[in-house]
C-alpha atoms as a PDB file:
ATOM      1  CA  MET A   1     285.222 137.636  -0.568  1.00  0.00           C
ATOM      2  CA  ARG A   2     286.569 140.322  -2.881  1.00  0.00           C
ATOM      3  CA  GLU A   3     289.352 142.384  -1.323  1.00  0.00           C
ATOM      4  CA  PRO A   4     288.634 146.089  -0.779  1.00  0.00           C
ATOM      5  CA  VAL A   5     290.373 148.512  -3.175  1.00  0.00           C
ATOM      6  CA  PHE A   6     291.862 151.852  -2.100  1.00  0.00           C
ATOM      7  CA  VAL A   7     291.092 154.545  -4.701  1.00  0.00           C
ATOM      8  CA  ILE A   8     292.935 157.869  -4.489  1.00  0.00           C
ATOM      9  CA  MET A   9     291.749 160.823  -6.560  1.00  0.00           C
ATOM     10  CA  ALA A  10     294.852 162.833  -7.489  1.00  0.00           C
ATOM     11  CA  ALA A  11     293.976 164.404 -10.843  1.00  0.00           C
ATOM     12  CA  GLY A  12     293.361 167.917  -9.487  1.00  0.00           C
ATOM     13  CA  MET A  13     296.318 170.267  -9.654  1.00  0.00           C
ATOM     14  CA  GLY A  14     295.198 172.277  -6.637  1.00  0.00           C
ATOM     15  CA  SER A  15     294.415 175.631  -8.215  1.00  0.00           C
ATOM     16  CA  ARG A  16     293.993 177.490  -4.915  1.00  0.00           C
ATOM     17  CA  PHE A  17     297.177 176.096  -3.370  1.00  0.00           C
ATOM     18  CA  GLY A  18     299.272 176.360  -6.517  1.00  0.00           C
ATOM     19  CA  GLY A  19     301.642 173.645  -7.745  1.00  0.00           C
ATOM     20  CA  LEU A  20     301.397 169.906  -7.422  1.00  0.00           C
ATOM     21  CA  LYS A  21     300.211 169.784  -3.818  1.00  0.00           C
ATOM     22  CA  GLN A  22     299.691 166.005  -3.920  1.00  0.00           C
ATOM     23  CA  ILE A  23     303.461 165.541  -3.489  1.00  0.00           C
ATOM     24  CA  THR A  24     304.366 168.551  -1.317  1.00  0.00           C
ATOM     25  CA  PRO A  25     306.456 167.342   1.670  1.00  0.00           C
ATOM     26  CA  VAL A  26     304.829 167.736   5.092  1.00  0.00           C
ATOM     27  CA  ASP A  27     307.623 166.332   7.263  1.00  0.00           C
ATOM     28  CA  GLU A  28     311.413 166.347   7.543  1.00  0.00           C
ATOM     29  CA  GLN A  29     311.667 162.995   5.743  1.00  0.00           C
ATOM     30  CA  GLY A  30     309.970 164.321   2.603  1.00  0.00           C
ATOM     31  CA  HIS A  31     306.671 162.450   3.006  1.00  0.00           C
ATOM     32  CA  SER A  32     303.552 164.058   1.536  1.00  0.00           C
ATOM     33  CA  ILE A  33     300.003 163.780   2.868  1.00  0.00           C
ATOM     34  CA  ILE A  34     299.319 160.976   0.412  1.00  0.00           C
ATOM     35  CA  ASP A  35     302.126 158.941   2.031  1.00  0.00           C
ATOM     36  CA  TYR A  36     300.263 159.072   5.336  1.00  0.00           C
ATOM     37  CA  SER A  37     296.982 157.992   3.735  1.00  0.00           C
ATOM     38  CA  LEU A  38     298.752 155.072   2.049  1.00  0.00           C
ATOM     39  CA  TYR A  39     300.531 154.090   5.264  1.00  0.00           C
ATOM     40  CA  ASP A  40     297.221 154.164   7.141  1.00  0.00           C
ATOM     41  CA  ALA A  41     295.582 152.151   4.339  1.00  0.00           C
ATOM     42  CA  TRP A  42     298.268 149.471   4.453  1.00  0.00           C
ATOM     43  CA  LYS A  43     297.969 149.209   8.243  1.00  0.00           C
ATOM     44  CA  ALA A  44     294.179 148.931   7.900  1.00  0.00           C
ATOM     45  CA  GLY A  45     294.513 146.008   5.465  1.00  0.00           C
ATOM     46  CA  PHE A  46     294.261 147.439   1.949  1.00  0.00           C
ATOM     47  CA  ARG A  47     296.597 145.802  -0.559  1.00  0.00           C
ATOM     48  CA  LYS A  48     295.413 147.220  -3.902  1.00  0.00           C
ATOM     49  CA  VAL A  49     295.553 150.926  -4.720  1.00  0.00           C
ATOM     50  CA  VAL A  50     294.230 152.799  -7.745  1.00  0.00           C
ATOM     51  CA  PHE A  51     295.676 156.249  -8.425  1.00  0.00           C
ATOM     52  CA  ILE A  52     293.486 158.529 -10.549  1.00  0.00           C
ATOM     53  CA  ILE A  53     295.801 161.104 -12.113  1.00  0.00           C
ATOM     54  CA  LYS A  54     296.277 163.141 -15.289  1.00  0.00           C
ATOM     55  CA  HIS A  55     298.812 162.367 -17.987  1.00  0.00           C
ATOM     56  CA  ALA A  56     300.373 165.790 -17.345  1.00  0.00           C
ATOM     57  CA  ILE A  57     301.509 164.769 -13.848  1.00  0.00           C
ATOM     58  CA  GLU A  58     302.182 161.083 -14.557  1.00  0.00           C
ATOM     59  CA  GLU A  59     305.970 161.240 -14.553  1.00  0.00           C
ATOM     60  CA  ASP A  60     306.259 163.394 -11.427  1.00  0.00           C
ATOM     61  CA  PHE A  61     303.603 161.419  -9.576  1.00  0.00           C
ATOM     62  CA  LYS A  62     305.114 158.027 -10.307  1.00  0.00           C
ATOM     63  CA  ALA A  63     308.571 159.236  -9.327  1.00  0.00           C
ATOM     64  CA  ALA A  64     307.379 160.799  -6.076  1.00  0.00           C
ATOM     65  CA  VAL A  65     304.747 158.273  -4.988  1.00  0.00           C
ATOM     66  CA  GLY A  66     303.711 155.452  -7.266  1.00  0.00           C
ATOM     67  CA  SER A  67     306.981 153.639  -7.810  1.00  0.00           C
ATOM     68  CA  ARG A  68     307.692 153.511  -4.062  1.00  0.00           C
ATOM     69  CA  MET A  69     304.270 152.017  -3.351  1.00  0.00           C
ATOM     70  CA  GLU A  70     304.706 149.087  -5.716  1.00  0.00           C
ATOM     71  CA  ARG A  71     306.533 147.083  -3.041  1.00  0.00           C
ATOM     72  CA  TYR A  72     303.522 147.326  -0.707  1.00  0.00           C
ATOM     73  CA  PHE A  73     300.486 147.417  -3.001  1.00  0.00           C
ATOM     74  CA  ASP A  74     299.167 146.142  -6.291  1.00  0.00           C
ATOM     75  CA  VAL A  75     299.302 149.577  -7.963  1.00  0.00           C
ATOM     76  CA  ARG A  76     297.115 150.675 -10.884  1.00  0.00           C
ATOM     77  CA  TYR A  77     296.861 154.015 -12.663  1.00  0.00           C
ATOM     78  CA  VAL A  78     293.805 155.596 -14.236  1.00  0.00           C
ATOM     79  CA  PHE A  79     293.800 158.826 -16.213  1.00  0.00           C
ATOM     80  CA  GLN A  80     291.070 161.409 -15.793  1.00  0.00           C
ATOM     81  CA  GLU A  81     291.194 163.789 -18.742  1.00  0.00           C
ATOM     82  CA  VAL A  82     288.815 166.541 -19.757  1.00  0.00           C
ATOM     83  CA  ASP A  83     288.265 164.898 -23.152  1.00  0.00           C
ATOM     84  CA  ARG A  84     287.267 161.555 -21.637  1.00  0.00           C
ATOM     85  CA  LEU A  85     283.581 161.938 -22.450  1.00  0.00           C
ATOM     86  CA  PRO A  86     280.683 159.658 -23.470  1.00  0.00           C
ATOM     87  CA  GLU A  87     279.918 159.229 -27.136  1.00  0.00           C
ATOM     88  CA  GLY A  88     278.094 162.215 -28.572  1.00  0.00           C
ATOM     89  CA  PHE A  89     279.723 164.812 -26.291  1.00  0.00           C
ATOM     90  CA  SER A  90     282.697 167.084 -26.906  1.00  0.00           C
ATOM     91  CA  VAL A  91     284.757 169.397 -24.702  1.00  0.00           C
ATOM     92  CA  PRO A  92     283.294 172.919 -24.641  1.00  0.00           C
ATOM     93  CA  GLU A  93     285.622 175.534 -26.094  1.00  0.00           C
ATOM     94  CA  GLY A  94     287.808 176.937 -23.310  1.00  0.00           C
ATOM     95  CA  ARG A  95     287.083 174.127 -20.833  1.00  0.00           C
ATOM     96  CA  THR A  96     290.163 173.012 -18.861  1.00  0.00           C
ATOM     97  CA  LYS A  97     288.571 172.105 -15.511  1.00  0.00           C
ATOM     98  CA  PRO A  98     288.215 168.372 -14.729  1.00  0.00           C
ATOM     99  CA  TRP A  99     284.671 166.983 -14.718  1.00  0.00           C
ATOM    100  CA  GLY A 100     284.614 166.238 -10.978  1.00  0.00           C
ATOM    101  CA  THR A 101     284.960 163.432  -8.483  1.00  0.00           C
ATOM    102  CA  ALA A 102     282.161 161.222  -9.818  1.00  0.00           C
ATOM    103  CA  HIS A 103     283.737 161.387 -13.279  1.00  0.00           C
ATOM    104  CA  ALA A 104     287.054 160.340 -11.711  1.00  0.00           C
ATOM    105  CA  ILE A 105     285.457 157.168 -10.351  1.00  0.00           C
ATOM    106  CA  ALA A 106     283.724 156.476 -13.660  1.00  0.00           C
ATOM    107  CA  CYS A 107     287.144 156.594 -15.345  1.00  0.00           C
ATOM    108  CA  ALA A 108     288.353 153.838 -12.988  1.00  0.00           C
ATOM    109  CA  GLU A 109     285.543 151.387 -13.739  1.00  0.00           C
ATOM    110  CA  ASP A 110     287.772 148.866 -15.507  1.00  0.00           C
ATOM    111  CA  VAL A 111     290.363 148.487 -12.714  1.00  0.00           C
ATOM    112  CA  ILE A 112     288.170 148.405  -9.598  1.00  0.00           C
ATOM    113  CA  ASP A 113     287.414 144.732  -8.981  1.00  0.00           C
ATOM    114  CA  GLY A 114     285.876 144.756  -5.511  1.00  0.00           C
ATOM    115  CA  PRO A 115     284.309 147.000  -2.878  1.00  0.00           C
ATOM    116  CA  PHE A 116     286.262 150.230  -2.803  1.00  0.00           C
ATOM    117  CA  ALA A 117     287.163 153.183  -0.617  1.00  0.00           C
ATOM    118  CA  VAL A 118     287.492 156.605  -2.255  1.00  0.00           C
ATOM    119  CA  LEU A 119     289.389 159.620  -0.951  1.00  0.00           C
ATOM    120  CA  ASN A 120     291.234 162.747  -2.048  1.00  0.00           C
ATOM    121  CA  ALA A 121     295.022 162.668  -2.455  1.00  0.00           C
ATOM    122  CA  ASP A 122     295.613 165.992  -0.738  1.00  0.00           C
ATOM    123  CA  ASP A 123     293.559 165.494   2.425  1.00  0.00           C
ATOM    124  CA  TYR A 124     294.750 163.888   5.654  1.00  0.00           C
ATOM    125  CA  TYR A 125     291.884 161.756   6.970  1.00  0.00           C
ATOM    126  CA  GLY A 126     293.253 160.064  10.080  1.00  0.00           C
ATOM    127  CA  SER A 127     294.176 156.435  10.663  1.00  0.00           C
ATOM    128  CA  ASN A 128     290.980 155.637  12.562  1.00  0.00           C
ATOM    129  CA  ALA A 129     288.795 156.877   9.719  1.00  0.00           C
ATOM    130  CA  ILE A 130     290.611 154.778   7.116  1.00  0.00           C
ATOM    131  CA  LYS A 131     290.514 151.680   9.350  1.00  0.00           C
ATOM    132  CA  THR A 132     286.783 152.221   9.871  1.00  0.00           C
ATOM    133  CA  ILE A 133     286.038 152.281   6.145  1.00  0.00           C
ATOM    134  CA  TYR A 134     288.211 149.208   5.528  1.00  0.00           C
ATOM    135  CA  ASP A 135     286.406 147.257   8.230  1.00  0.00           C
ATOM    136  CA  PHE A 136     283.043 148.190   6.703  1.00  0.00           C
ATOM    137  CA  LEU A 137     284.087 147.074   3.216  1.00  0.00           C
ATOM    138  CA  LYS A 138     285.702 143.870   4.446  1.00  0.00           C
ATOM    139  CA  GLU A 139     282.398 142.495   5.711  1.00  0.00           C
ATOM    140  CA  GLU A 140     280.076 140.668   3.325  1.00  0.00           C
ATOM    141  CA  ARG A 141     277.294 143.102   2.401  1.00  0.00           C
ATOM    142  CA  LYS A 142     274.466 143.601  -0.033  1.00  0.00           C
ATOM    143  CA  PRO A 143     275.316 145.412  -3.308  1.00  0.00           C
ATOM    144  CA  SER A 144     273.138 148.316  -2.090  1.00  0.00           C
ATOM    145  CA  GLU A 145     274.973 148.879   1.222  1.00  0.00           C
ATOM    146  CA  HIS A 146     277.500 151.706   1.150  1.00  0.00           C
ATOM    147  CA  ALA A 147     279.185 153.931   3.741  1.00  0.00           C
ATOM    148  CA  MET A 148     280.682 157.353   4.304  1.00  0.00           C
ATOM    149  CA  VAL A 149     282.930 158.591   7.095  1.00  0.00           C
ATOM    150  CA  GLY A 150     281.207 161.573   8.678  1.00  0.00           C
ATOM    151  CA  TYR A 151     283.390 164.388  10.016  1.00  0.00           C
ATOM    152  CA  LEU A 152     282.325 167.297  12.214  1.00  0.00           C
ATOM    153  CA  VAL A 153     282.531 170.519  10.227  1.00  0.00           C
ATOM    154  CA  ARG A 154     284.575 172.210  12.978  1.00  0.00           C
ATOM    155  CA  ASN A 155     287.300 169.607  12.360  1.00  0.00           C
ATOM    156  CA  THR A 156     287.441 170.268   8.609  1.00  0.00           C
ATOM    157  CA  VAL A 157     287.816 174.017   8.068  1.00  0.00           C
ATOM    158  CA  THR A 158     290.850 176.249   7.686  1.00  0.00           C
ATOM    159  CA  GLU A 159     291.708 179.702   9.005  1.00  0.00           C
ATOM    160  CA  ASN A 160     293.057 180.678   5.586  1.00  0.00           C
ATOM    161  CA  GLY A 161     290.013 180.770   3.315  1.00  0.00           C
ATOM    162  CA  TYR A 162     286.938 178.876   2.246  1.00  0.00           C
ATOM    163  CA  VAL A 163     286.535 175.148   1.600  1.00  0.00           C
ATOM    164  CA  SER A 164     284.086 172.883  -0.203  1.00  0.00           C
ATOM    165  CA  ARG A 165     282.289 170.202   1.808  1.00  0.00           C
ATOM    166  CA  GLY A 166     279.264 167.945   1.458  1.00  0.00           C
ATOM    167  CA  VAL A 167     276.833 168.990   4.218  1.00  0.00           C
ATOM    168  CA  CYS A 168     274.897 165.942   5.456  1.00  0.00           C
ATOM    169  CA  THR A 169     271.635 165.135   7.143  1.00  0.00           C
ATOM    170  CA  VAL A 170     271.727 161.855   9.081  1.00  0.00           C
ATOM    171  CA  GLU A 171     268.891 159.783  10.558  1.00  0.00           C
ATOM    172  CA  ASP A 172     269.369 156.599  12.571  1.00  0.00           C
ATOM    173  CA  GLY A 173     272.962 156.367  11.402  1.00  0.00           C
ATOM    174  CA  LEU A 174     272.051 156.551   7.712  1.00  0.00           C
ATOM    175  CA  LEU A 175     272.756 159.357   5.295  1.00  0.00           C
ATOM    176  CA  LYS A 176     269.561 161.043   4.108  1.00  0.00           C
ATOM    177  CA  THR A 177     270.951 163.884   2.017  1.00  0.00           C
ATOM    178  CA  VAL A 178     274.340 165.357   1.164  1.00  0.00           C
ATOM    179  CA  THR A 179     274.508 168.807  -0.383  1.00  0.00           C
ATOM    180  CA  GLU A 180     277.727 170.137  -1.855  1.00  0.00           C
ATOM    181  CA  ARG A 181     278.506 173.575  -0.424  1.00  0.00           C
ATOM    182  CA  THR A 182     281.418 175.028  -2.321  1.00  0.00           C
ATOM    183  CA  HIS A 183     282.080 178.041  -0.064  1.00  0.00           C
ATOM    184  CA  ILE A 184     282.268 177.254   3.677  1.00  0.00           C
ATOM    185  CA  GLU A 185     284.148 179.560   6.034  1.00  0.00           C
ATOM    186  CA  LYS A 186     285.315 179.057   9.625  1.00  0.00           C
ATOM    187  CA  ARG A 187     283.412 180.951  12.321  1.00  0.00           C
ATOM    188  CA  GLY A 188     285.174 180.231  15.619  1.00  0.00           C
ATOM    189  CA  ASP A 189     284.133 176.710  16.603  1.00  0.00           C
ATOM    190  CA  ASP A 190     281.393 176.798  13.976  1.00  0.00           C
ATOM    191  CA  ALA A 191     281.158 177.612  10.275  1.00  0.00           C
ATOM    192  CA  ALA A 192     278.932 179.274   7.681  1.00  0.00           C
ATOM    193  CA  TYR A 193     278.359 178.824   3.966  1.00  0.00           C
ATOM    194  CA  THR A 194     277.278 181.117   1.159  1.00  0.00           C
ATOM    195  CA  GLU A 195     275.871 180.512  -2.290  1.00  0.00           C
ATOM    196  CA  ASP A 196     276.099 184.087  -3.562  1.00  0.00           C
ATOM    197  CA  GLY A 197     279.045 185.569  -1.643  1.00  0.00           C
ATOM    198  CA  GLU A 198     276.792 187.940   0.310  1.00  0.00           C
ATOM    199  CA  HIS A 199     274.314 185.945   2.378  1.00  0.00           C
ATOM    200  CA  TYR A 200     275.654 183.357   4.832  1.00  0.00           C
ATOM    201  CA  VAL A 201     273.944 180.388   6.486  1.00  0.00           C
ATOM    202  CA  ASP A 202     275.311 179.277   9.862  1.00  0.00           C
ATOM    203  CA  LEU A 203     276.585 175.725  10.334  1.00  0.00           C
ATOM    204  CA  PRO A 204     276.957 174.515  13.950  1.00  0.00           C
ATOM    205  CA  GLY A 205     280.359 172.992  14.634  1.00  0.00           C
ATOM    206  CA  ASP A 206     278.922 169.489  15.090  1.00  0.00           C
ATOM    207  CA  THR A 207     277.266 169.468  11.652  1.00  0.00           C
ATOM    208  CA  VAL A 208     278.238 166.252   9.850  1.00  0.00           C
ATOM    209  CA  VAL A 209     280.064 166.781   6.567  1.00  0.00           C
ATOM    210  CA  SER A 210     281.557 164.554   3.920  1.00  0.00           C
ATOM    211  CA  MET A 211     285.273 164.776   3.221  1.00  0.00           C
ATOM    212  CA  ASN A 212     284.958 162.392   0.267  1.00  0.00           C
ATOM    213  CA  LEU A 213     285.941 159.321   2.275  1.00  0.00           C
ATOM    214  CA  TRP A 214     283.407 156.821   0.981  1.00  0.00           C
ATOM    215  CA  GLY A 215     283.035 153.054   0.886  1.00  0.00           C
ATOM    216  CA  PHE A 216     281.098 151.646  -2.077  1.00  0.00           C
ATOM    217  CA  GLN A 217     280.183 148.205  -3.301  1.00  0.00           C
ATOM    218  CA  GLN A 218     281.566 147.451  -6.750  1.00  0.00           C
ATOM    219  CA  GLU A 219     278.100 147.279  -8.268  1.00  0.00           C
ATOM    220  CA  LEU A 220     277.643 151.045  -7.851  1.00  0.00           C
ATOM    221  CA  LEU A 221     280.285 151.710 -10.522  1.00  0.00           C
ATOM    222  CA  GLU A 222     277.675 151.335 -13.250  1.00  0.00           C
ATOM    223  CA  GLN A 223     275.760 154.249 -11.707  1.00  0.00           C
ATOM    224  CA  PHE A 224     278.855 156.476 -11.793  1.00  0.00           C
ATOM    225  CA  VAL A 225     279.292 155.683 -15.476  1.00  0.00           C
ATOM    226  CA  GLY A 226     275.626 155.632 -16.424  1.00  0.00           C
ATOM    227  CA  GLY A 227     274.736 158.924 -14.750  1.00  0.00           C
ATOM    228  CA  PHE A 228     277.359 161.018 -16.517  1.00  0.00           C
ATOM    229  CA  PRO A 229     275.561 161.541 -19.863  1.00  0.00           C
ATOM    230  CA  ALA A 230     272.412 162.783 -18.098  1.00  0.00           C
ATOM    231  CA  PHE A 231     274.539 165.119 -15.985  1.00  0.00           C
ATOM    232  CA  LEU A 232     276.154 166.569 -19.102  1.00  0.00           C
ATOM    233  CA  GLU A 233     272.848 167.032 -20.888  1.00  0.00           C
ATOM    234  CA  GLU A 234     271.441 168.954 -17.939  1.00  0.00           C
ATOM    235  CA  ASN A 235     274.463 171.032 -16.944  1.00  0.00           C
ATOM    236  CA  LEU A 236     276.497 171.758 -20.080  1.00  0.00           C
ATOM    237  CA  PRO A 237     273.988 174.332 -21.370  1.00  0.00           C
ATOM    238  CA  LYS A 238     273.986 176.116 -17.989  1.00  0.00           C
ATOM    239  CA  ASN A 239     277.679 176.089 -17.060  1.00  0.00           C
ATOM    240  CA  PRO A 240     279.855 174.611 -19.813  1.00  0.00           C
ATOM    241  CA  LEU A 241     283.225 175.692 -18.380  1.00  0.00           C
ATOM    242  CA  LYS A 242     282.841 174.853 -14.693  1.00  0.00           C
ATOM    243  CA  CYS A 243     280.038 172.354 -14.021  1.00  0.00           C
ATOM    244  CA  GLU A 244     281.247 169.296 -12.087  1.00  0.00           C
ATOM    245  CA  TYR A 245     279.853 165.785 -11.676  1.00  0.00           C
ATOM    246  CA  PHE A 246     280.253 165.387  -7.909  1.00  0.00           C
ATOM    247  CA  LEU A 247     280.603 162.019  -6.225  1.00  0.00           C
ATOM    248  CA  PRO A 248     277.968 162.782  -3.522  1.00  0.00           C
ATOM    249  CA  SER A 249     275.349 163.330  -6.229  1.00  0.00           C
ATOM    250  CA  VAL A 250     275.599 159.654  -7.201  1.00  0.00           C
ATOM    251  CA  ALA A 251     275.167 158.552  -3.593  1.00  0.00           C
ATOM    252  CA  ASN A 252     272.316 161.025  -3.175  1.00  0.00           C
ATOM    253  CA  ALA A 253     270.514 159.621  -6.193  1.00  0.00           C
ATOM    254  CA  GLN A 254     270.699 156.077  -4.816  1.00  0.00           C
ATOM    255  CA  ILE A 255     269.272 157.220  -1.495  1.00  0.00           C
ATOM    256  CA  GLN A 256     266.464 159.326  -2.959  1.00  0.00           C
ATOM    257  CA  LYS A 257     265.384 156.537  -5.342  1.00  0.00           C
ATOM    258  CA  GLY A 258     265.458 153.970  -2.544  1.00  0.00           C
ATOM    259  CA  LEU A 259     268.076 151.915  -4.370  1.00  0.00           C
ATOM    260  CA  GLY A 260     270.737 151.946  -1.673  1.00  0.00           C
ATOM    261  CA  THR A 261     271.760 153.033   1.807  1.00  0.00           C
ATOM    262  CA  VAL A 262     274.815 154.908   3.035  1.00  0.00           C
ATOM    263  CA  ARG A 263     275.851 154.162   6.609  1.00  0.00           C
ATOM    264  CA  VAL A 264     277.496 157.205   8.234  1.00  0.00           C
ATOM    265  CA  LEU A 265     280.571 156.112  10.181  1.00  0.00           C
ATOM    266  CA  PRO A 266     281.284 158.934  12.649  1.00  0.00           C
ATOM    267  CA  THR A 267     284.806 160.057  13.443  1.00  0.00           C
ATOM    268  CA  GLU A 268     286.380 162.600  15.734  1.00  0.00           C
ATOM    269  CA  ASP A 269     289.509 162.583  13.554  1.00  0.00           C
ATOM    270  CA  VAL A 270     290.679 166.021  12.458  1.00  0.00           C
ATOM    271  CA  TRP A 271     291.119 166.760   8.774  1.00  0.00           C
ATOM    272  CA  TYR A 272     294.345 168.381   7.635  1.00  0.00           C
ATOM    273  CA  GLY A 273     294.995 169.625   4.140  1.00  0.00           C
ATOM    274  CA  VAL A 274     296.756 172.205   2.028  1.00  0.00           C
ATOM    275  CA  THR A 275     293.834 173.934   0.379  1.00  0.00           C
ATOM    276  CA  TYR A 276     295.922 177.116   0.576  1.00  0.00           C
ATOM    277  CA  SER A 277     299.682 177.566   0.752  1.00  0.00           C
ATOM    278  CA  GLU A 278     299.266 179.104   4.214  1.00  0.00           C
ATOM    279  CA  ASP A 279     297.835 175.782   5.435  1.00  0.00           C
ATOM    280  CA  LEU A 280     301.106 173.953   4.870  1.00  0.00           C
ATOM    281  CA  GLN A 281     302.772 174.927   8.134  1.00  0.00           C
ATOM    282  CA  SER A 282     299.779 173.860  10.236  1.00  0.00           C
ATOM    283  CA  VAL A 283     299.813 170.461   8.520  1.00  0.00           C
ATOM    284  CA  LYS A 284     303.530 170.085   9.256  1.00  0.00           C
ATOM    285  CA  ASN A 285     302.906 171.012  12.893  1.00  0.00           C
ATOM    286  CA  ALA A 286     300.110 168.451  13.181  1.00  0.00           C
ATOM    287  CA  ILE A 287     302.236 165.672  11.663  1.00  0.00           C
ATOM    288  CA  ARG A 288     305.107 166.515  14.005  1.00  0.00           C
ATOM    289  CA  ALA A 289     302.750 166.368  17.000  1.00  0.00           C
ATOM    290  CA  MET A 290     301.399 162.970  15.913  1.00  0.00           C
ATOM    291  CA  LYS A 291     304.927 161.606  15.587  1.00  0.00           C
ATOM    292  CA  GLU A 292     305.761 162.872  19.059  1.00  0.00           C
ATOM    293  CA  GLN A 293     302.679 160.985  20.310  1.00  0.00           C
ATOM    294  CA  LYS A 294     304.065 157.848  18.582  1.00  0.00           C
ATOM    295  CA  LEU A 295     301.052 157.652  16.254  1.00  0.00           C
ATOM    296  CA  TYR A 296     303.514 157.413  13.354  1.00  0.00           C
ATOM    297  CA  PRO A 297     307.175 156.373  13.185  1.00  0.00           C
ATOM    298  CA  GLU A 298     309.717 158.990  12.161  1.00  0.00           C
ATOM    299  CA  GLU A 299     310.274 157.134   8.883  1.00  0.00           C
ATOM    300  CA  LEU A 300     307.179 155.537   7.364  1.00  0.00           C
ATOM    301  CA  TRP A 301     307.447 151.953   6.093  1.00  0.00           C
ATOM    302  CA  THR A 302     310.484 151.068   8.221  1.00  0.00           C
END
């Protein structure tokens, strides 16, 4: 049985938050959100971690996170750069934006050697959610059997602005569609999204959304890599500076073609993140509350 791999996407600089939010402290001991995800991963059973970063943050990231984790994990680094493109393609003039989450995974093809969990560096997912995805990946499964942790949209929005989430439809515990909505706003216990900035569509609070916590079999990597050229051919002419190859689109394609299934693993865990600088204090408050409930020790890894 191949051991599950923990893959953390940390190449984004966090344009809305400003600064290198992946390593912003969220407690008195100087731990960042990524420290909590790694601690939860280690407790769940993961022993290999792949960090997807950019060369520009390599030194800071290794100093703040990577070097400390080498005593607990087999640590690998992968670099997602805007010029890392298939043969025959070049970076559009003026393009600085990364190519998206699916491109990040494609960049890691050579170092992922088993079933793998994927998540964002700057989101707090909850220990139960990470344990759930580990347990799914640890079991022997067909190459076509994948999973996603499904959050309730009311547990994933912020008071301080809009967020991007994959809005899901689920039938009999399986994901049927996931649609990336890049502008979702909180509406009390519910939410709403807009495509044009003027017209809003309501989302009930119990709508299932993806927070990019996925569990994939290793065999799906070839689809991440193989689908990128077609994505570029279709989208570069339409939006050369900002189009993104999103991870859910790869999962969606497998589902729609009948090539794979995605089991939705429900969670009541609450997402915390620093999408905006104003979010930071609420994350610190949440971490403090969890420590007071003895969900985490004061000093991780002791």
